[in-house]
Amino acid sequence: LKVIDRAIQVFGGAGVSDDVPLALMYAHMRTLRLADGPDEVHKMTIARQELRRRDPQWGRR
């Protein structure tokens, strides 16, 4: 997402026009991030899995 955002900045007004595919790429990446879920949710899921791996009873007391 950062790379596409930077490319849009470099292209200026053309970056958000239909002349280059950057605006469409940006829209697709934003949609994908929303569909995949917030990063915070993924971090919490990984943290829970790691804590349970160390202590199988974690979170169940």
Protein backbone atom coordinates (compact mmCIF):
# COMPACT_ATOMS: atom_id res chain seq x y z
CA LEU A 1 0.00 0.00 0.00
CA LYS A 2 2.86 2.37 0.80
CA VAL A 3 4.50 1.71 -2.55
CA ILE A 4 1.31 2.43 -4.47
CA ASP A 5 0.70 5.57 -2.40
CA ARG A 6 4.22 6.78 -3.15
CA ALA A 7 3.78 6.05 -6.87
CA ILE A 8 0.58 8.10 -6.88
CA GLN A 9 2.51 10.97 -5.29
CA VAL A 10 5.23 10.70 -7.93
CA PHE A 11 2.72 10.66 -10.79
CA GLY A 12 0.83 13.64 -9.34
CA GLY A 13 -2.62 14.21 -10.84
CA ALA A 14 -2.08 11.43 -13.36
CA GLY A 15 -1.74 8.99 -10.46
CA VAL A 16 -5.45 9.27 -9.71
CA SER A 17 -6.62 9.36 -13.31
CA ASP A 18 -7.62 6.50 -15.57
CA ASP A 19 -4.43 7.00 -17.60
CA VAL A 20 -2.38 4.83 -15.23
CA PRO A 21 -3.59 1.84 -13.19
CA LEU A 22 -2.45 3.24 -9.83
CA ALA A 23 -5.84 4.45 -8.59
CA LEU A 24 -7.38 1.07 -9.34
CA MET A 25 -4.48 -0.74 -7.67
CA TYR A 26 -4.86 1.46 -4.59
CA ALA A 27 -8.60 0.75 -4.39
CA HIS A 28 -8.01 -3.00 -4.69
CA MET A 29 -5.35 -2.97 -1.98
CA ARG A 30 -7.59 -1.00 0.41
CA THR A 31 -10.45 -3.42 -0.21
CA LEU A 32 -8.18 -6.41 0.36
CA ARG A 33 -6.96 -5.00 3.67
CA LEU A 34 -10.53 -4.44 4.83
CA ALA A 35 -11.66 -7.89 3.73
CA ASP A 36 -8.69 -9.54 5.42
CA GLY A 37 -9.41 -7.83 8.74
CA PRO A 38 -7.56 -5.21 10.72
CA ASP A 39 -3.89 -5.80 11.53
CA GLU A 40 -4.71 -5.54 15.25
CA VAL A 41 -6.98 -8.59 15.00
CA HIS A 42 -4.19 -10.61 13.40
CA LYS A 43 -1.72 -9.52 16.07
CA MET A 44 -4.10 -10.52 18.87
CA THR A 45 -4.75 -13.90 17.25
CA ILE A 46 -1.04 -14.62 16.92
CA ALA A 47 -0.42 -13.48 20.51
CA ARG A 48 -3.16 -15.79 21.81
CA GLN A 49 -1.80 -18.73 19.86
CA GLU A 50 1.73 -18.16 21.15
CA LEU A 51 0.58 -17.77 24.76
CA ARG A 52 -1.46 -20.96 24.54
CA ARG A 53 1.48 -22.77 23.01
CA ARG A 54 3.53 -21.93 26.13
CA ASP A 55 0.64 -22.50 28.57
CA PRO A 56 -2.29 -24.56 27.18
CA GLN A 57 -4.54 -23.32 30.02
CA TRP A 58 -3.89 -19.63 29.27
CA GLY A 59 -7.11 -17.68 28.92
CA ARG A 60 -9.27 -20.53 30.17
CA ARG A 61 -9.00 -19.88 33.91
